[in-house]
Each structure stands twice: as C-alpha cells, then as structure tokens.
Amino acid sequence: MLHIYCPHCAEYREEEEFRPKGEAHIARQVAPESTSDEEWGDYLFFRKNPRGLHHEQWYHAAGCRKFFNVTRNTVSYEILETYKVGHKPSVTQQASAGRSSSKGAAK
C-alpha cells in the first residue's frame, strides 16, 4: 500500500484516504461564450494520458478534504512529489530523469 504525503495535513496517510481527480494544471477557458464547440469539447473531455511523468490532482477524501497536486510516474506508480494547488511542481520531464524527490514522495 502507498503512503501519500498530504501537503495540507503535513503527514503521510494511507492511499485509501485519497481519490485521484485527473490531470492537474488545466487552464479554464477565458471567454467560454466565444469558444467554439470543438474547443469547448476538447477542454471538457480530452485529457493527457502520458506514459511516464504526469501531474495529477488528488483529493484527501478521508482527511482534510482538500485538493492537492501529485507528480507521479504512470509506469512505476512512483509518486515523486506532492504540492498544494496553485504552486508549481519542482519535478519536470527534463529534470526528473532518473531522480526522485524525497520531500512529498510516497514511502
């Protein structure tokens, strides 16, 4: 079982307390009334599903009930970092090749 670090509670909790909520860092449409149906459909329904590093939004359902972001390797399921919504990830595609962050990583 994974132990996931919640940046709001500042502690590791069991995986069962959390719910994945999809891709993180999705920008909302600036002017939805002038957005085409195709662009609106892409915004609502299409998400990245990469093999490798992926930034995801998670919800601490059985704890503080707050959202936060996770950088996770979708191949190994390794969590490289967790951080609050609105903050920038410190692990990126280029910087994380063969590296794992200790703070906020799963134990």
PDB file of N, CA and C in Angstrom:
ATOM      1  N   MET A   1       0.831  -1.177   0.000  1.00  0.00           N
ATOM      2  CA  MET A   1       0.000   0.000   0.000  1.00  0.00           C
ATOM      3  C   MET A   1       0.883   1.250   0.000  1.00  0.00           C
ATOM      4  N   LEU A   2       0.457   2.237  -0.764  1.00  0.00           N
ATOM      5  CA  LEU A   2       1.181   3.502  -0.809  1.00  0.00           C
ATOM      6  C   LEU A   2       0.856   4.359   0.404  1.00  0.00           C
ATOM      7  N   HIS A   3       1.836   5.131   0.812  1.00  0.00           N
ATOM      8  CA  HIS A   3       1.623   6.168   1.804  1.00  0.00           C
ATOM      9  C   HIS A   3       1.872   7.483   1.082  1.00  0.00           C
ATOM     10  N   ILE A   4       0.852   8.313   1.013  1.00  0.00           N
ATOM     11  CA  ILE A   4       0.899   9.555   0.248  1.00  0.00           C
ATOM     12  C   ILE A   4       0.995  10.730   1.215  1.00  0.00           C
ATOM     13  N   TYR A   5       1.899  11.652   0.903  1.00  0.00           N
ATOM     14  CA  TYR A   5       2.096  12.841   1.719  1.00  0.00           C
ATOM     15  C   TYR A   5       1.058  13.886   1.353  1.00  0.00           C
ATOM     16  N   CYS A   6       0.238  14.303   2.315  1.00  0.00           N
ATOM     17  CA  CYS A   6      -0.725  15.378   2.095  1.00  0.00           C
ATOM     18  C   CYS A   6      -0.059  16.702   2.476  1.00  0.00           C
ATOM     19  N   PRO A   7       0.093  17.633   1.527  1.00  0.00           N
ATOM     20  CA  PRO A   7       0.759  18.898   1.850  1.00  0.00           C
ATOM     21  C   PRO A   7      -0.061  19.791   2.780  1.00  0.00           C
ATOM     22  N   HIS A   8      -1.356  19.542   2.916  1.00  0.00           N
ATOM     23  CA  HIS A   8      -2.191  20.336   3.818  1.00  0.00           C
ATOM     24  C   HIS A   8      -2.114  19.801   5.251  1.00  0.00           C
ATOM     25  N   CYS A   9      -2.184  18.484   5.389  1.00  0.00           N
ATOM     26  CA  CYS A   9      -2.099  17.854   6.716  1.00  0.00           C
ATOM     27  C   CYS A   9      -0.656  17.744   7.192  1.00  0.00           C
ATOM     28  N   ALA A  10       0.298  17.837   6.263  1.00  0.00           N
ATOM     29  CA  ALA A  10       1.737  17.721   6.540  1.00  0.00           C
ATOM     30  C   ALA A  10       2.085  16.378   7.156  1.00  0.00           C
ATOM     31  N   GLU A  11       1.473  15.313   6.613  1.00  0.00           N
ATOM     32  CA  GLU A  11       1.795  13.972   7.074  1.00  0.00           C
ATOM     33  C   GLU A  11       1.464  12.936   6.000  1.00  0.00           C
ATOM     34  N   TYR A  12       2.077  11.765   6.135  1.00  0.00           N
ATOM     35  CA  TYR A  12       1.814  10.657   5.234  1.00  0.00           C
ATOM     36  C   TYR A  12       0.562   9.933   5.695  1.00  0.00           C
ATOM     37  N   ARG A  13      -0.310   9.591   4.757  1.00  0.00           N
ATOM     38  CA  ARG A  13      -1.532   8.859   5.062  1.00  0.00           C
ATOM     39  C   ARG A  13      -1.673   7.714   4.061  1.00  0.00           C
ATOM     40  N   GLU A  14      -2.485   6.737   4.393  1.00  0.00           N
ATOM     41  CA  GLU A  14      -2.675   5.580   3.527  1.00  0.00           C
ATOM     42  C   GLU A  14      -3.423   5.963   2.252  1.00  0.00           C
ATOM     43  N   GLU A  15      -3.094   5.275   1.188  1.00  0.00           N
ATOM     44  CA  GLU A  15      -3.646   5.532  -0.139  1.00  0.00           C
ATOM     45  C   GLU A  15      -5.175   5.511  -0.156  1.00  0.00           C
ATOM     46  N   GLU A  16      -5.782   4.700   0.664  1.00  0.00           N
ATOM     47  CA  GLU A  16      -7.240   4.555   0.680  1.00  0.00           C
ATOM     48  C   GLU A  16      -7.975   5.837   1.058  1.00  0.00           C
ATOM     49  N   GLU A  17      -7.268   6.786   1.689  1.00  0.00           N
ATOM     50  CA  GLU A  17      -7.890   8.043   2.095  1.00  0.00           C
ATOM     51  C   GLU A  17      -8.021   9.038   0.951  1.00  0.00           C
ATOM     52  N   PHE A  18      -7.388   8.769  -0.183  1.00  0.00           N
ATOM     53  CA  PHE A  18      -7.306   9.726  -1.280  1.00  0.00           C
ATOM     54  C   PHE A  18      -8.092   9.267  -2.503  1.00  0.00           C
ATOM     55  N   ARG A  19      -8.472  10.227  -3.345  1.00  0.00           N
ATOM     56  CA  ARG A  19      -9.144   9.940  -4.606  1.00  0.00           C
ATOM     57  C   ARG A  19      -8.446  10.727  -5.717  1.00  0.00           C
ATOM     58  N   PRO A  20      -8.001  10.044  -6.779  1.00  0.00           N
ATOM     59  CA  PRO A  20      -7.429  10.764  -7.919  1.00  0.00           C
ATOM     60  C   PRO A  20      -8.540  11.503  -8.660  1.00  0.00           C
ATOM     61  N   LYS A  21      -8.257  12.699  -9.132  1.00  0.00           N
ATOM     62  CA  LYS A  21      -9.271  13.517  -9.795  1.00  0.00           C
ATOM     63  C   LYS A  21      -8.875  13.974 -11.192  1.00  0.00           C
ATOM     64  N   GLY A  22      -7.842  13.372 -11.762  1.00  0.00           N
ATOM     65  CA  GLY A  22      -7.494  13.695 -13.144  1.00  0.00           C
ATOM     66  C   GLY A  22      -6.298  14.612 -13.276  1.00  0.00           C
ATOM     67  N   GLU A  23      -6.137  15.108 -14.466  1.00  0.00           N
ATOM     68  CA  GLU A  23      -4.975  15.929 -14.821  1.00  0.00           C
ATOM     69  C   GLU A  23      -4.974  17.265 -14.080  1.00  0.00           C
ATOM     70  N   ALA A  24      -3.802  17.677 -13.631  1.00  0.00           N
ATOM     71  CA  ALA A  24      -3.636  18.966 -12.946  1.00  0.00           C
ATOM     72  C   ALA A  24      -3.241  20.052 -13.945  1.00  0.00           C
ATOM     73  N   HIS A  25      -3.339  21.284 -13.527  1.00  0.00           N
ATOM     74  CA  HIS A  25      -2.883  22.460 -14.280  1.00  0.00           C
ATOM     75  C   HIS A  25      -3.656  22.660 -15.585  1.00  0.00           C
ATOM     76  N   ILE A  26      -4.950  22.456 -15.564  1.00  0.00           N
ATOM     77  CA  ILE A  26      -5.777  22.693 -16.745  1.00  0.00           C
ATOM     78  C   ILE A  26      -6.336  24.106 -16.642  1.00  0.00           C
ATOM     79  N   ALA A  27      -6.017  24.922 -17.644  1.00  0.00           N
ATOM     80  CA  ALA A  27      -6.460  26.319 -17.639  1.00  0.00           C
ATOM     81  C   ALA A  27      -7.917  26.408 -18.088  1.00  0.00           C
ATOM     82  N   ARG A  28      -8.710  27.113 -17.317  1.00  0.00           N
ATOM     83  CA  ARG A  28     -10.119  27.321 -17.646  1.00  0.00           C
ATOM     84  C   ARG A  28     -10.231  28.248 -18.847  1.00  0.00           C
ATOM     85  N   GLN A  29     -11.261  28.062 -19.645  1.00  0.00           N
ATOM     86  CA  GLN A  29     -11.496  28.922 -20.807  1.00  0.00           C
ATOM     87  C   GLN A  29     -11.686  30.368 -20.355  1.00  0.00           C
ATOM     88  N   VAL A  30     -10.982  31.295 -20.990  1.00  0.00           N
ATOM     89  CA  VAL A  30     -11.047  32.700 -20.610  1.00  0.00           C
ATOM     90  C   VAL A  30     -12.397  33.302 -20.989  1.00  0.00           C
ATOM     91  N   ALA A  31     -12.842  33.014 -22.194  1.00  0.00           N
ATOM     92  CA  ALA A  31     -14.129  33.539 -22.681  1.00  0.00           C
ATOM     93  C   ALA A  31     -14.961  32.374 -23.221  1.00  0.00           C
ATOM     94  N   PRO A  32     -15.629  31.640 -22.348  1.00  0.00           N
ATOM     95  CA  PRO A  32     -16.354  30.456 -22.796  1.00  0.00           C
ATOM     96  C   PRO A  32     -17.461  30.762 -23.802  1.00  0.00           C
ATOM     97  N   GLU A  33     -18.052  31.940 -23.727  1.00  0.00           N
ATOM     98  CA  GLU A  33     -19.131  32.291 -24.652  1.00  0.00           C
ATOM     99  C   GLU A  33     -18.646  32.449 -26.091  1.00  0.00           C
ATOM    100  N   SER A  34     -17.366  32.736 -26.278  1.00  0.00           N
ATOM    101  CA  SER A  34     -16.833  32.889 -27.637  1.00  0.00           C
ATOM    102  C   SER A  34     -15.975  31.700 -28.060  1.00  0.00           C
ATOM    103  N   THR A  35     -16.018  30.625 -27.289  1.00  0.00           N
ATOM    104  CA  THR A  35     -15.257  29.412 -27.602  1.00  0.00           C
ATOM    105  C   THR A  35     -16.087  28.526 -28.531  1.00  0.00           C
ATOM    106  N   SER A  36     -15.435  27.961 -29.539  1.00  0.00           N
ATOM    107  CA  SER A  36     -16.155  27.081 -30.466  1.00  0.00           C
ATOM    108  C   SER A  36     -16.566  25.792 -29.755  1.00  0.00           C
ATOM    109  N   ASP A  37     -17.531  25.104 -30.331  1.00  0.00           N
ATOM    110  CA  ASP A  37     -17.990  23.836 -29.748  1.00  0.00           C
ATOM    111  C   ASP A  37     -16.854  22.822 -29.688  1.00  0.00           C
ATOM    112  N   GLU A  38     -16.002  22.796 -30.708  1.00  0.00           N
ATOM    113  CA  GLU A  38     -14.878  21.856 -30.733  1.00  0.00           C
ATOM    114  C   GLU A  38     -13.878  22.173 -29.618  1.00  0.00           C
ATOM    115  N   GLU A  39     -13.528  23.462 -29.450  1.00  0.00           N
ATOM    116  CA  GLU A  39     -12.607  23.862 -28.384  1.00  0.00           C
ATOM    117  C   GLU A  39     -13.212  23.582 -27.006  1.00  0.00           C
ATOM    118  N   TRP A  40     -14.504  23.833 -26.853  1.00  0.00           N
ATOM    119  CA  TRP A  40     -15.163  23.594 -25.575  1.00  0.00           C
ATOM    120  C   TRP A  40     -15.180  22.100 -25.255  1.00  0.00           C
ATOM    121  N   GLY A  41     -15.455  21.276 -26.257  1.00  0.00           N
ATOM    122  CA  GLY A  41     -15.437  19.823 -26.083  1.00  0.00           C
ATOM    123  C   GLY A  41     -14.052  19.321 -25.701  1.00  0.00           C
ATOM    124  N   ASP A  42     -13.020  19.860 -26.346  1.00  0.00           N
ATOM    125  CA  ASP A  42     -11.641  19.482 -26.005  1.00  0.00           C
ATOM    126  C   ASP A  42     -11.324  19.839 -24.553  1.00  0.00           C
ATOM    127  N   TYR A  43     -11.746  21.025 -24.130  1.00  0.00           N
ATOM    128  CA  TYR A  43     -11.498  21.470 -22.757  1.00  0.00           C
ATOM    129  C   TYR A  43     -12.217  20.568 -21.740  1.00  0.00           C
ATOM    130  N   LEU A  44     -13.441  20.220 -22.022  1.00  0.00           N
ATOM    131  CA  LEU A  44     -14.234  19.439 -21.068  1.00  0.00           C
ATOM    132  C   LEU A  44     -13.859  17.960 -21.005  1.00  0.00           C
ATOM    133  N   PHE A  45     -13.528  17.358 -22.151  1.00  0.00           N
ATOM    134  CA  PHE A  45     -13.447  15.905 -22.201  1.00  0.00           C
ATOM    135  C   PHE A  45     -12.084  15.297 -22.498  1.00  0.00           C
ATOM    136  N   PHE A  46     -11.188  16.033 -23.114  1.00  0.00           N
ATOM    137  CA  PHE A  46      -9.923  15.427 -23.513  1.00  0.00           C
ATOM    138  C   PHE A  46      -8.806  15.789 -22.551  1.00  0.00           C
ATOM    139  N   ARG A  47      -8.114  14.755 -22.069  1.00  0.00           N
ATOM    140  CA  ARG A  47      -7.012  14.923 -21.134  1.00  0.00           C
ATOM    141  C   ARG A  47      -5.817  14.130 -21.612  1.00  0.00           C
ATOM    142  N   LYS A  48      -4.644  14.536 -21.149  1.00  0.00           N
ATOM    143  CA  LYS A  48      -3.422  13.796 -21.463  1.00  0.00           C
ATOM    144  C   LYS A  48      -3.425  12.491 -20.674  1.00  0.00           C
ATOM    145  N   ASN A  49      -2.835  11.487 -21.235  1.00  0.00           N
ATOM    146  CA  ASN A  49      -2.689  10.198 -20.554  1.00  0.00           C
ATOM    147  C   ASN A  49      -1.304   9.655 -20.898  1.00  0.00           C
ATOM    148  N   PRO A  50      -0.246  10.357 -20.427  1.00  0.00           N
ATOM    149  CA  PRO A  50       1.111  10.002 -20.854  1.00  0.00           C
ATOM    150  C   PRO A  50       1.654   8.756 -20.170  1.00  0.00           C
ATOM    151  N   ARG A  51       2.600   8.176 -20.804  1.00  0.00           N
ATOM    152  CA  ARG A  51       3.372   7.093 -20.205  1.00  0.00           C
ATOM    153  C   ARG A  51       4.621   7.767 -19.624  1.00  0.00           C
ATOM    154  N   GLY A  52       4.734   7.782 -18.313  1.00  0.00           N
ATOM    155  CA  GLY A  52       5.860   8.459 -17.657  1.00  0.00           C
ATOM    156  C   GLY A  52       5.342   9.484 -16.661  1.00  0.00           C
ATOM    157  N   LEU A  53       6.035  10.613 -16.555  1.00  0.00           N
ATOM    158  CA  LEU A  53       5.664  11.635 -15.574  1.00  0.00           C
ATOM    159  C   LEU A  53       4.356  12.321 -15.945  1.00  0.00           C
ATOM    160  N   HIS A  54       3.534  12.526 -14.923  1.00  0.00           N
ATOM    161  CA  HIS A  54       2.228  13.143 -15.137  1.00  0.00           C
ATOM    162  C   HIS A  54       1.854  13.920 -13.878  1.00  0.00           C
ATOM    163  N   HIS A  55       1.325  15.123 -14.059  1.00  0.00           N
ATOM    164  CA  HIS A  55       0.869  15.939 -12.938  1.00  0.00           C
ATOM    165  C   HIS A  55      -0.635  15.711 -12.788  1.00  0.00           C
ATOM    166  N   GLU A  56      -1.034  15.271 -11.605  1.00  0.00           N
ATOM    167  CA  GLU A  56      -2.427  14.916 -11.357  1.00  0.00           C
ATOM    168  C   GLU A  56      -2.971  15.690 -10.166  1.00  0.00           C
ATOM    169  N   GLN A  57      -4.282  15.829 -10.141  1.00  0.00           N
ATOM    170  CA  GLN A  57      -4.939  16.435  -8.993  1.00  0.00           C
ATOM    171  C   GLN A  57      -5.550  15.308  -8.157  1.00  0.00           C
ATOM    172  N   TRP A  58      -5.360  15.365  -6.840  1.00  0.00           N
ATOM    173  CA  TRP A  58      -5.895  14.363  -5.922  1.00  0.00           C
ATOM    174  C   TRP A  58      -6.696  15.072  -4.848  1.00  0.00           C
ATOM    175  N   TYR A  59      -7.573  14.306  -4.199  1.00  0.00           N
ATOM    176  CA  TYR A  59      -8.454  14.823  -3.158  1.00  0.00           C
ATOM    177  C   TYR A  59      -8.297  13.974  -1.906  1.00  0.00           C
ATOM    178  N   HIS A  60      -8.068  14.614  -0.756  1.00  0.00           N
ATOM    179  CA  HIS A  60      -7.920  13.891   0.511  1.00  0.00           C
ATOM    180  C   HIS A  60      -9.315  13.695   1.113  1.00  0.00           C
ATOM    181  N   ALA A  61     -10.016  12.681   0.636  1.00  0.00           N
ATOM    182  CA  ALA A  61     -11.422  12.454   0.966  1.00  0.00           C
ATOM    183  C   ALA A  61     -11.659  12.098   2.428  1.00  0.00           C
ATOM    184  N   ALA A  62     -10.764  11.335   3.041  1.00  0.00           N
ATOM    185  CA  ALA A  62     -10.969  10.889   4.420  1.00  0.00           C
ATOM    186  C   ALA A  62     -10.120  11.676   5.410  1.00  0.00           C
ATOM    187  N   GLY A  63      -9.611  12.810   4.987  1.00  0.00           N
ATOM    188  CA  GLY A  63      -8.766  13.620   5.861  1.00  0.00           C
ATOM    189  C   GLY A  63      -9.220  15.065   5.858  1.00  0.00           C
ATOM    190  N   CYS A  64      -8.376  15.948   5.360  1.00  0.00           N
ATOM    191  CA  CYS A  64      -8.650  17.383   5.386  1.00  0.00           C
ATOM    192  C   CYS A  64      -9.670  17.815   4.326  1.00  0.00           C
ATOM    193  N   ARG A  65      -9.995  16.922   3.384  1.00  0.00           N
ATOM    194  CA  ARG A  65     -10.965  17.167   2.317  1.00  0.00           C
ATOM    195  C   ARG A  65     -10.540  18.321   1.401  1.00  0.00           C
ATOM    196  N   LYS A  66      -9.239  18.430   1.165  1.00  0.00           N
ATOM    197  CA  LYS A  66      -8.703  19.459   0.272  1.00  0.00           C
ATOM    198  C   LYS A  66      -8.053  18.814  -0.938  1.00  0.00           C
ATOM    199  N   PHE A  67      -7.989  19.589  -2.019  1.00  0.00           N
ATOM    200  CA  PHE A  67      -7.335  19.145  -3.245  1.00  0.00           C
ATOM    201  C   PHE A  67      -5.858  19.506  -3.190  1.00  0.00           C
ATOM    202  N   PHE A  68      -5.031  18.687  -3.833  1.00  0.00           N
ATOM    203  CA  PHE A  68      -3.606  18.976  -3.991  1.00  0.00           C
ATOM    204  C   PHE A  68      -3.134  18.278  -5.255  1.00  0.00           C
ATOM    205  N   ASN A  69      -1.924  18.599  -5.684  1.00  0.00           N
ATOM    206  CA  ASN A  69      -1.376  18.016  -6.905  1.00  0.00           C
ATOM    207  C   ASN A  69      -0.284  17.003  -6.593  1.00  0.00           C
ATOM    208  N   VAL A  70      -0.140  16.050  -7.486  1.00  0.00           N
ATOM    209  CA  VAL A  70       0.829  14.970  -7.352  1.00  0.00           C
ATOM    210  C   VAL A  70       1.584  14.845  -8.660  1.00  0.00           C
ATOM    211  N   THR A  71       2.899  14.691  -8.593  1.00  0.00           N
ATOM    212  CA  THR A  71       3.688  14.331  -9.767  1.00  0.00           C
ATOM    213  C   THR A  71       3.978  12.850  -9.627  1.00  0.00           C
ATOM    214  N   ARG A  72       3.455  12.076 -10.589  1.00  0.00           N
ATOM    215  CA  ARG A  72       3.529  10.623 -10.478  1.00  0.00           C
ATOM    216  C   ARG A  72       4.032  10.025 -11.779  1.00  0.00           C
ATOM    217  N   ASN A  73       4.829   8.972 -11.670  1.00  0.00           N
ATOM    218  CA  ASN A  73       5.274   8.215 -12.833  1.00  0.00           C
ATOM    219  C   ASN A  73       4.202   7.164 -13.109  1.00  0.00           C
ATOM    220  N   THR A  74       3.538   7.257 -14.250  1.00  0.00           N
ATOM    221  CA  THR A  74       2.431   6.355 -14.551  1.00  0.00           C
ATOM    222  C   THR A  74       2.898   4.943 -14.890  1.00  0.00           C
ATOM    223  N   VAL A  75       4.178   4.749 -15.150  1.00  0.00           N
ATOM    224  CA  VAL A  75       4.712   3.417 -15.448  1.00  0.00           C
ATOM    225  C   VAL A  75       4.982   2.654 -14.160  1.00  0.00           C
ATOM    226  N   SER A  76       5.667   3.304 -13.218  1.00  0.00           N
ATOM    227  CA  SER A  76       6.055   2.641 -11.968  1.00  0.00           C
ATOM    228  C   SER A  76       5.110   2.947 -10.802  1.00  0.00           C
ATOM    229  N   TYR A  77       4.193   3.870 -10.996  1.00  0.00           N
ATOM    230  CA  TYR A  77       3.262   4.353  -9.972  1.00  0.00           C
ATOM    231  C   TYR A  77       3.978   5.106  -8.847  1.00  0.00           C
ATOM    232  N   GLU A  78       5.257   5.413  -9.028  1.00  0.00           N
ATOM    233  CA  GLU A  78       6.033   6.142  -8.032  1.00  0.00           C
ATOM    234  C   GLU A  78       5.573   7.597  -7.958  1.00  0.00           C
ATOM    235  N   ILE A  79       5.326   8.073  -6.745  1.00  0.00           N
ATOM    236  CA  ILE A  79       4.966   9.472  -6.534  1.00  0.00           C
ATOM    237  C   ILE A  79       6.241  10.235  -6.222  1.00  0.00           C
ATOM    238  N   LEU A  80       6.556  11.218  -7.063  1.00  0.00           N
ATOM    239  CA  LEU A  80       7.795  11.973  -6.924  1.00  0.00           C
ATOM    240  C   LEU A  80       7.647  13.188  -6.016  1.00  0.00           C
ATOM    241  N   GLU A  81       6.446  13.776  -5.999  1.00  0.00           N
ATOM    242  CA  GLU A  81       6.216  14.930  -5.126  1.00  0.00           C
ATOM    243  C   GLU A  81       4.721  15.191  -5.002  1.00  0.00           C
ATOM    244  N   THR A  82       4.357  15.878  -3.946  1.00  0.00           N
ATOM    245  CA  THR A  82       3.005  16.404  -3.775  1.00  0.00           C
ATOM    246  C   THR A  82       3.144  17.883  -3.442  1.00  0.00           C
ATOM    247  N   TYR A  83       2.180  18.677  -3.883  1.00  0.00           N
ATOM    248  CA  TYR A  83       2.244  20.121  -3.635  1.00  0.00           C
ATOM    249  C   TYR A  83       0.839  20.702  -3.712  1.00  0.00           C
ATOM    250  N   LYS A  84       0.650  21.837  -3.055  1.00  0.00           N
ATOM    251  CA  LYS A  84      -0.663  22.475  -2.997  1.00  0.00           C
ATOM    252  C   LYS A  84      -1.064  23.038  -4.356  1.00  0.00           C
ATOM    253  N   VAL A  85      -2.383  23.079  -4.598  1.00  0.00           N
ATOM    254  CA  VAL A  85      -2.923  23.665  -5.820  1.00  0.00           C
ATOM    255  C   VAL A  85      -2.506  25.130  -5.873  1.00  0.00           C
ATOM    256  N   GLY A  86      -2.084  25.584  -7.018  1.00  0.00           N
ATOM    257  CA  GLY A  86      -1.616  26.959  -7.177  1.00  0.00           C
ATOM    258  C   GLY A  86      -0.109  27.087  -7.120  1.00  0.00           C
ATOM    259  N   HIS A  87       0.576  26.074  -6.601  1.00  0.00           N
ATOM    260  CA  HIS A  87       2.035  26.057  -6.587  1.00  0.00           C
ATOM    261  C   HIS A  87       2.549  25.342  -7.826  1.00  0.00           C
ATOM    262  N   LYS A  88       3.785  25.599  -8.173  1.00  0.00           N
ATOM    263  CA  LYS A  88       4.397  24.963  -9.338  1.00  0.00           C
ATOM    264  C   LYS A  88       5.135  23.701  -8.916  1.00  0.00           C
ATOM    265  N   PRO A  89       5.117  22.692  -9.785  1.00  0.00           N
ATOM    266  CA  PRO A  89       5.869  21.464  -9.468  1.00  0.00           C
ATOM    267  C   PRO A  89       7.362  21.722  -9.555  1.00  0.00           C
ATOM    268  N   SER A  90       8.130  21.049  -8.713  1.00  0.00           N
ATOM    269  CA  SER A  90       9.587  21.186  -8.794  1.00  0.00           C
ATOM    270  C   SER A  90      10.181  20.113  -9.685  1.00  0.00           C
ATOM    271  N   VAL A  91       9.427  19.050  -9.929  1.00  0.00           N
ATOM    272  CA  VAL A  91       9.885  17.967 -10.802  1.00  0.00           C
ATOM    273  C   VAL A  91       9.221  18.150 -12.160  1.00  0.00           C
ATOM    274  N   THR A  92      10.039  18.207 -13.210  1.00  0.00           N
ATOM    275  CA  THR A  92       9.513  18.317 -14.572  1.00  0.00           C
ATOM    276  C   THR A  92      10.056  17.182 -15.413  1.00  0.00           C
ATOM    277  N   GLN A  93       9.574  17.064 -16.622  1.00  0.00           N
ATOM    278  CA  GLN A  93      10.000  15.988 -17.517  1.00  0.00           C
ATOM    279  C   GLN A  93      11.521  15.939 -17.661  1.00  0.00           C
ATOM    280  N   GLN A  94      12.143  17.079 -17.907  1.00  0.00           N
ATOM    281  CA  GLN A  94      13.577  17.108 -18.158  1.00  0.00           C
ATOM    282  C   GLN A  94      14.387  16.895 -16.882  1.00  0.00           C
ATOM    283  N   ALA A  95      13.969  17.502 -15.783  1.00  0.00           N
ATOM    284  CA  ALA A  95      14.768  17.477 -14.559  1.00  0.00           C
ATOM    285  C   ALA A  95      14.658  16.170 -13.791  1.00  0.00           C
ATOM    286  N   SER A  96      13.657  15.341 -14.077  1.00  0.00           N
ATOM    287  CA  SER A  96      13.412  14.184 -13.234  1.00  0.00           C
ATOM    288  C   SER A  96      13.935  12.868 -13.792  1.00  0.00           C
ATOM    289  N   ALA A  97      14.604  12.882 -14.891  1.00  0.00           N
ATOM    290  CA  ALA A  97      15.075  11.633 -15.472  1.00  0.00           C
ATOM    291  C   ALA A  97      16.014  10.924 -14.494  1.00  0.00           C
ATOM    292  N   GLY A  98      15.543   9.809 -13.943  1.00  0.00           N
ATOM    293  CA  GLY A  98      16.349   9.014 -13.014  1.00  0.00           C
ATOM    294  C   GLY A  98      16.474   9.595 -11.627  1.00  0.00           C
ATOM    295  N   ARG A  99      15.632  10.572 -11.275  1.00  0.00           N
ATOM    296  CA  ARG A  99      15.739  11.240  -9.980  1.00  0.00           C
ATOM    297  C   ARG A  99      14.418  11.145  -9.234  1.00  0.00           C
ATOM    298  N   SER A 100      14.496  11.074  -7.943  1.00  0.00           N
ATOM    299  CA  SER A 100      13.302  11.029  -7.110  1.00  0.00           C
ATOM    300  C   SER A 100      13.446  12.036  -5.985  1.00  0.00           C
ATOM    301  N   SER A 101      12.406  12.807  -5.748  1.00  0.00           N
ATOM    302  CA  SER A 101      12.413  13.787  -4.663  1.00  0.00           C
ATOM    303  C   SER A 101      12.029  13.121  -3.356  1.00  0.00           C
ATOM    304  N   SER A 102      12.696  13.456  -2.278  1.00  0.00           N
ATOM    305  CA  SER A 102      12.392  12.825  -1.006  1.00  0.00           C
ATOM    306  C   SER A 102      11.240  13.510  -0.288  1.00  0.00           C
ATOM    307  N   LYS A 103      11.105  14.830  -0.393  1.00  0.00           N
ATOM    308  CA  LYS A 103      10.029  15.520   0.303  1.00  0.00           C
ATOM    309  C   LYS A 103       8.739  15.375  -0.500  1.00  0.00           C
ATOM    310  N   GLY A 104       7.750  14.848   0.140  1.00  0.00           N
ATOM    311  CA  GLY A 104       6.463  14.706  -0.505  1.00  0.00           C
ATOM    312  C   GLY A 104       6.348  13.449  -1.338  1.00  0.00           C
ATOM    313  N   ALA A 105       7.362  12.614  -1.353  1.00  0.00           N
ATOM    314  CA  ALA A 105       7.304  11.366  -2.113  1.00  0.00           C
ATOM    315  C   ALA A 105       6.630  10.289  -1.277  1.00  0.00           C
ATOM    316  N   ALA A 106       6.106   9.295  -1.948  1.00  0.00           N
ATOM    317  CA  ALA A 106       5.442   8.195  -1.247  1.00  0.00           C
ATOM    318  C   ALA A 106       6.482   7.332  -0.551  1.00  0.00           C
ATOM    319  N   LYS A 107       6.131   6.817   0.603  1.00  0.00           N
ATOM    320  CA  LYS A 107       7.044   5.923   1.319  1.00  0.00           C
ATOM    321  C   LYS A 107       6.602   4.506   1.116  1.00  0.00           C
TER     322      LYS A 107
END
